[in-house]
Amino acid sequence: MRKSATAVSLQPAGSGNQETSSKGFNHQVSTVYWNPYRRGKSMNRKMVRTITLGTFALVAVLCAARPGRAADAKTPYASMAPLDQYLMADRNAEIALARSAAPDAISRDAKILVLGRYAYETAVEGKNGFVCVVERGWMSPSDAPEFWNPKIRGPICFNPPAARSVLPATYKRTEMVLAGRTRAEIIEGNKAAFEKGELPPLEPGAMSYMMSKGAYLTDNDDHNVAHLMFYAPPLDGKAWGADLPKSPVMLNPQFKGAQPIDVFVVPVGRWSDGSVAPVM
């Protein structure tokens, strides 16, 4: 028998369907993942960067490098799509996809969240402090072309420090999305919530796993790449060796303009099931 879900946050949805309306309930989700093997090392790095930029800022970089594709990435997702396009009809499939973000040794005892019509809900209680969830496109940077892409599915498992100090931003943004806020209102609301102390400060050691073979992070190329993300206070990316020639570390501006958090992305060579994954 399925346990009743526990809502993580609750906000009634509005009516309407355009991003320009503060009452719209149309969204589109986009998370950036890709398969770097397909177009050689140069394209591989661009794809990794697409992921690292909070899923979408880097998509713009990737598209810009390919004439005729930039418009394709921006035009279809100018506003939120109908809510049903962001939801997964099969609850068990969403649970399995969320778990696939990290190796079974981590995710089998993790708390699992699923997206409902009013909030993320607790589908499975955890025992190890990790929390796994399938994020949607609105967790991308504010200028991400696929912010409203409803196809985006970003399985991610937060370690305990990240679950306490980074995941609350997912709850907050989702609450605003389901209340029909515009993209600008969501980013500003995220910033205001942090400044008012409604969102916690970043904890040391916060990181997350994004190693799902089934993720869909962008419309571009192979849509996905296995990687880890490390959260840190804002600092010069060079302190991490980020974005330097042949460095596997990339800086992701996921929270730019919203919270003082830098996200450093490191691609890995295996999917969560242990099979070999393409790398840079």
Protein backbone atom coordinates (compact mmCIF):
# COMPACT_ATOMS: atom_id res chain seq x y z
CA MET A 1 0.00 0.00 0.00
CA ARG A 2 1.41 3.41 -0.97
CA LYS A 3 1.99 5.80 1.88
CA SER A 4 0.29 9.15 1.67
CA ALA A 5 2.60 11.88 0.41
CA THR A 6 3.79 14.66 2.64
CA ALA A 7 3.91 18.07 0.97
CA VAL A 8 7.25 19.81 1.42
CA SER A 9 5.74 23.18 0.64
CA LEU A 10 2.27 24.25 -0.38
CA GLN A 11 1.13 27.10 -2.59
CA PRO A 12 -2.11 27.22 -4.59
CA ALA A 13 -1.72 27.62 -8.29
CA GLY A 14 -3.07 30.54 -10.19
CA SER A 15 -4.76 30.63 -13.55
CA GLY A 16 -3.53 31.65 -16.96
CA ASN A 17 -0.60 30.32 -18.94
CA GLN A 18 1.96 32.94 -19.90
CA GLU A 19 5.13 33.95 -18.20
CA THR A 20 4.08 37.57 -18.51
CA SER A 21 1.15 36.91 -16.21
CA SER A 22 1.70 36.68 -12.46
CA LYS A 23 -1.23 34.23 -12.33
CA GLY A 24 -0.07 31.82 -14.98
CA PHE A 25 0.45 28.16 -14.20
CA ASN A 26 2.36 27.19 -17.30
CA HIS A 27 5.96 26.19 -16.93
CA GLN A 28 8.55 24.34 -18.81
CA VAL A 29 11.42 22.55 -17.23
CA SER A 30 14.93 22.23 -18.51
CA THR A 31 18.00 20.68 -17.02
CA VAL A 32 21.18 20.34 -18.99
CA TYR A 33 22.76 16.98 -19.65
CA TRP A 34 24.64 15.75 -22.64
CA ASN A 35 26.84 13.04 -24.04
CA PRO A 36 30.27 14.48 -24.74
CA TYR A 37 31.55 11.68 -26.94
CA ARG A 38 29.62 12.58 -29.95
CA ARG A 39 31.36 15.63 -31.33
CA GLY A 40 34.93 15.41 -30.16
CA LYS A 41 36.73 17.02 -27.24
CA SER A 42 35.93 20.62 -28.17
CA MET A 43 32.20 19.95 -28.36
CA ASN A 44 32.42 17.72 -25.29
CA ARG A 45 33.68 20.55 -23.16
CA LYS A 46 31.01 22.90 -24.46
CA MET A 47 28.40 20.34 -23.52
CA VAL A 48 29.83 19.90 -20.05
CA ARG A 49 29.78 23.65 -19.69
CA THR A 50 26.16 23.63 -20.76
CA ILE A 51 25.41 21.48 -17.76
CA THR A 52 27.57 23.40 -15.39
CA LEU A 53 25.92 26.71 -16.03
CA GLY A 54 22.94 25.76 -14.03
CA THR A 55 21.63 23.87 -16.92
CA PHE A 56 20.92 26.69 -19.26
CA ALA A 57 23.29 29.57 -19.21
CA LEU A 58 25.75 27.29 -20.87
CA VAL A 59 23.18 26.07 -23.32
CA ALA A 60 23.38 29.53 -24.82
CA VAL A 61 27.12 29.09 -25.24
CA LEU A 62 26.63 25.74 -26.92
CA CYS A 63 23.94 27.05 -29.23
CA ALA A 64 25.95 30.13 -30.11
CA ALA A 65 28.72 27.86 -31.34
CA ARG A 66 26.32 26.22 -33.75
CA PRO A 67 24.80 28.67 -36.27
CA GLY A 68 21.07 28.43 -36.66
CA ARG A 69 20.49 26.65 -33.37
CA ALA A 70 20.33 29.58 -30.93
CA ALA A 71 16.83 30.57 -31.97
CA ASP A 72 15.67 26.97 -31.63
CA ALA A 73 16.76 26.92 -27.98
CA LYS A 74 15.10 30.21 -27.02
CA THR A 75 11.90 30.60 -29.00
CA PRO A 76 9.98 27.47 -27.89
CA TYR A 77 10.26 28.26 -24.18
CA ALA A 78 9.34 31.93 -23.88
CA SER A 79 6.73 31.19 -21.21
CA MET A 80 5.53 28.46 -18.93
CA ALA A 81 3.84 25.43 -20.48
CA PRO A 82 0.75 23.76 -18.99
CA LEU A 83 1.56 22.27 -15.60
CA ASP A 84 0.85 18.69 -16.69
CA GLN A 85 3.84 18.85 -19.02
CA TYR A 86 6.15 19.28 -16.03
CA LEU A 87 4.61 16.48 -14.01
CA MET A 88 5.39 12.78 -14.34
CA ALA A 89 2.23 10.71 -14.48
CA ASP A 90 3.98 7.59 -13.18
CA ARG A 91 4.91 8.30 -9.56
CA ASN A 92 7.07 5.18 -9.29
CA ALA A 93 8.98 6.19 -12.40
CA GLU A 94 9.78 9.57 -10.85
CA ILE A 95 10.96 7.87 -7.65
CA ALA A 96 13.22 5.55 -9.66
CA LEU A 97 14.57 8.45 -11.73
CA ALA A 98 15.35 10.46 -8.59
CA ARG A 99 17.20 7.49 -7.06
CA SER A 100 19.25 7.04 -10.23
CA ALA A 101 21.06 10.34 -9.58
CA ALA A 102 23.52 8.61 -7.23
CA PRO A 103 24.92 5.10 -6.74
CA ASP A 104 22.55 2.72 -4.98
CA ALA A 105 24.74 2.68 -1.87
CA ILE A 106 23.74 6.33 -1.41
CA SER A 107 20.25 6.63 -2.90
CA ARG A 108 18.64 3.47 -1.51
CA ASP A 109 18.44 5.04 1.97
CA ALA A 110 17.86 8.61 0.79
CA LYS A 111 14.68 10.63 1.17
CA ILE A 112 12.85 10.82 -2.17
CA LEU A 113 10.74 13.75 -3.34
CA VAL A 114 8.31 13.89 -6.26
CA LEU A 115 6.71 16.94 -7.85
CA GLY A 116 2.99 17.32 -7.17
CA ARG A 117 0.49 19.93 -8.31
CA TYR A 118 1.06 22.11 -5.26
CA ALA A 119 4.59 21.32 -4.09
CA TYR A 120 7.32 18.74 -3.94
CA GLU A 121 6.06 15.87 -1.80
CA THR A 122 7.91 13.30 0.27
CA ALA A 123 7.37 9.96 -1.46
CA VAL A 124 9.88 7.93 0.57
CA GLU A 125 11.36 8.79 3.95
CA GLY A 126 15.14 8.50 4.18
CA LYS A 127 17.65 7.28 6.74
CA ASN A 128 21.03 8.66 5.69
CA GLY A 129 20.43 12.41 5.36
CA PHE A 130 20.63 12.46 1.54
CA VAL A 131 17.67 13.77 -0.45
CA CYS A 132 17.06 12.82 -4.08
CA VAL A 133 14.68 14.69 -6.37
CA VAL A 134 14.06 15.28 -10.07
CA GLU A 135 14.51 19.01 -10.61
CA ARG A 136 12.87 20.95 -13.42
CA GLY A 137 14.16 23.74 -15.65
CA TRP A 138 13.29 26.58 -13.28
CA MET A 139 16.33 25.67 -11.18
CA SER A 140 18.45 27.09 -14.00
CA PRO A 141 20.02 30.57 -14.07
CA SER A 142 17.60 33.44 -14.70
CA ASP A 143 18.73 33.90 -18.30
CA ALA A 144 18.74 30.23 -19.25
CA PRO A 145 17.02 29.66 -22.65
CA GLU A 146 15.39 26.44 -21.40
CA PHE A 147 14.18 27.79 -18.04
CA TRP A 148 10.61 26.84 -19.00
CA ASN A 149 11.45 23.74 -21.06
CA PRO A 150 8.92 21.13 -19.82
CA LYS A 151 11.07 18.24 -21.04
CA ILE A 152 13.85 18.94 -18.53
CA ARG A 153 14.32 16.24 -15.92
CA GLY A 154 17.34 16.68 -13.66
CA PRO A 155 17.72 13.85 -11.13
CA ILE A 156 19.92 15.03 -8.28
CA CYS A 157 20.90 13.67 -4.87
CA PHE A 158 21.95 16.25 -2.27
CA ASN A 159 24.29 15.23 0.53
CA PRO A 160 23.16 16.21 4.08
CA PRO A 161 24.78 19.70 4.13
CA ALA A 162 23.32 20.48 0.69
CA ALA A 163 19.91 19.04 1.63
CA ARG A 164 19.81 21.48 4.54
CA SER A 165 21.22 24.58 2.82
CA VAL A 166 20.77 24.27 -0.98
CA LEU A 167 17.61 22.20 -1.44
CA PRO A 168 15.44 24.85 0.31
CA ALA A 169 15.97 27.05 -2.77
CA THR A 170 14.35 24.31 -4.88
CA TYR A 171 11.34 24.32 -2.56
CA LYS A 172 11.10 28.12 -2.70
CA ARG A 173 11.38 28.44 -6.47
CA THR A 174 8.91 25.62 -7.03
CA GLU A 175 6.44 27.27 -4.67
CA MET A 176 6.64 30.46 -6.74
CA VAL A 177 6.41 28.56 -10.02
CA LEU A 178 3.25 26.78 -8.92
CA ALA A 179 1.82 30.11 -7.75
CA GLY A 180 2.14 31.40 -11.32
CA ARG A 181 5.03 33.82 -10.85
CA THR A 182 7.03 35.09 -13.82
CA ARG A 183 10.67 34.21 -14.31
CA ALA A 184 11.78 37.65 -13.07
CA GLU A 185 9.53 37.36 -10.02
CA ILE A 186 10.95 33.93 -9.21
CA ILE A 187 14.57 35.10 -9.25
CA GLU A 188 13.75 38.24 -7.28
CA GLY A 189 11.70 36.21 -4.82
CA ASN A 190 14.61 33.79 -4.38
CA LYS A 191 16.92 36.72 -3.63
CA ALA A 192 14.48 38.36 -1.23
CA ALA A 193 13.88 35.11 0.64
CA PHE A 194 17.61 34.71 1.25
CA GLU A 195 18.05 38.32 2.34
CA LYS A 196 15.17 37.97 4.81
CA GLY A 197 16.66 34.82 6.30
CA GLU A 198 13.89 32.61 4.92
CA LEU A 199 16.56 30.52 3.16
CA PRO A 200 19.54 29.22 5.14
CA PRO A 201 23.17 30.15 4.50
CA LEU A 202 25.31 27.64 2.64
CA GLU A 203 26.83 24.92 4.83
CA PRO A 204 30.45 23.78 4.37
CA GLY A 205 30.81 20.51 2.48
CA ALA A 206 27.61 20.84 0.44
CA MET A 207 27.64 18.82 -2.78
CA SER A 208 25.36 16.75 -4.99
CA TYR A 209 25.35 13.83 -7.42
CA MET A 210 23.94 14.05 -10.94
CA MET A 211 24.95 10.70 -12.38
CA SER A 212 21.63 9.48 -13.78
CA LYS A 213 21.73 7.81 -17.17
CA GLY A 214 18.09 8.83 -17.66
CA ALA A 215 18.45 12.59 -17.11
CA TYR A 216 17.36 15.10 -19.75
CA LEU A 217 19.17 18.38 -19.17
CA THR A 218 18.96 20.13 -22.53
CA ASP A 219 17.51 19.75 -26.00
CA ASN A 220 21.02 19.86 -27.42
CA ASP A 221 22.97 16.82 -28.60
CA ASP A 222 22.84 13.87 -26.19
CA HIS A 223 21.05 15.77 -23.42
CA ASN A 224 23.07 14.47 -20.50
CA VAL A 225 26.43 13.94 -18.76
CA ALA A 226 27.37 12.32 -15.46
CA HIS A 227 28.78 14.84 -13.00
CA LEU A 228 29.15 16.01 -9.43
CA MET A 229 28.43 19.52 -8.15
CA PHE A 230 30.18 21.28 -5.29
CA TYR A 231 28.67 24.37 -3.66
CA ALA A 232 30.87 27.16 -2.32
CA PRO A 233 30.70 30.82 -1.31
CA PRO A 234 31.37 33.16 -4.25
CA LEU A 235 35.04 33.34 -5.18
CA ASP A 236 37.23 33.59 -8.23
CA GLY A 237 36.79 30.38 -10.21
CA LYS A 238 40.56 30.26 -10.69
CA ALA A 239 40.83 29.27 -7.03
CA TRP A 240 39.27 25.98 -8.16
CA GLY A 241 41.10 25.94 -11.48
CA ALA A 242 37.67 26.26 -13.09
CA ASP A 243 37.28 26.79 -16.83
CA LEU A 244 41.04 26.67 -17.47
CA PRO A 245 42.44 24.70 -20.44
CA LYS A 246 42.17 20.94 -19.88
CA SER A 247 40.69 21.46 -16.39
CA PRO A 248 37.65 19.22 -15.71
CA VAL A 249 36.21 21.79 -13.28
CA MET A 250 33.63 24.31 -14.51
CA LEU A 251 31.86 27.17 -12.78
CA ASN A 252 28.07 27.08 -12.94
CA PRO A 253 26.21 30.41 -12.36
CA GLN A 254 23.05 28.64 -11.25
CA PHE A 255 22.32 31.03 -8.38
CA LYS A 256 23.70 34.21 -9.92
CA GLY A 257 21.60 37.19 -8.85
CA ALA A 258 19.61 35.06 -6.41
CA GLN A 259 21.92 33.69 -3.70
CA PRO A 260 25.65 33.95 -2.84
CA ILE A 261 26.46 30.42 -3.97
CA ASP A 262 28.91 29.28 -6.63
CA VAL A 263 28.46 25.84 -8.14
CA PHE A 264 31.49 23.96 -9.43
CA VAL A 265 30.78 21.05 -11.77
CA VAL A 266 33.09 18.09 -12.25
CA PRO A 267 32.20 15.48 -14.91
CA VAL A 268 32.76 11.85 -13.93
CA GLY A 269 33.36 8.78 -16.06
CA ARG A 270 30.59 6.54 -14.75
CA TRP A 271 26.83 6.56 -14.46
CA SER A 272 25.29 5.78 -11.11
CA ASP A 273 24.80 2.11 -12.10
CA GLY A 274 28.56 1.76 -12.56
CA SER A 275 28.55 1.64 -16.35
CA VAL A 276 31.00 3.77 -18.29
CA ALA A 277 29.86 7.31 -19.10
CA PRO A 278 31.32 9.68 -21.70
CA VAL A 279 33.76 12.24 -20.29
CA MET A 280 35.49 15.32 -21.61
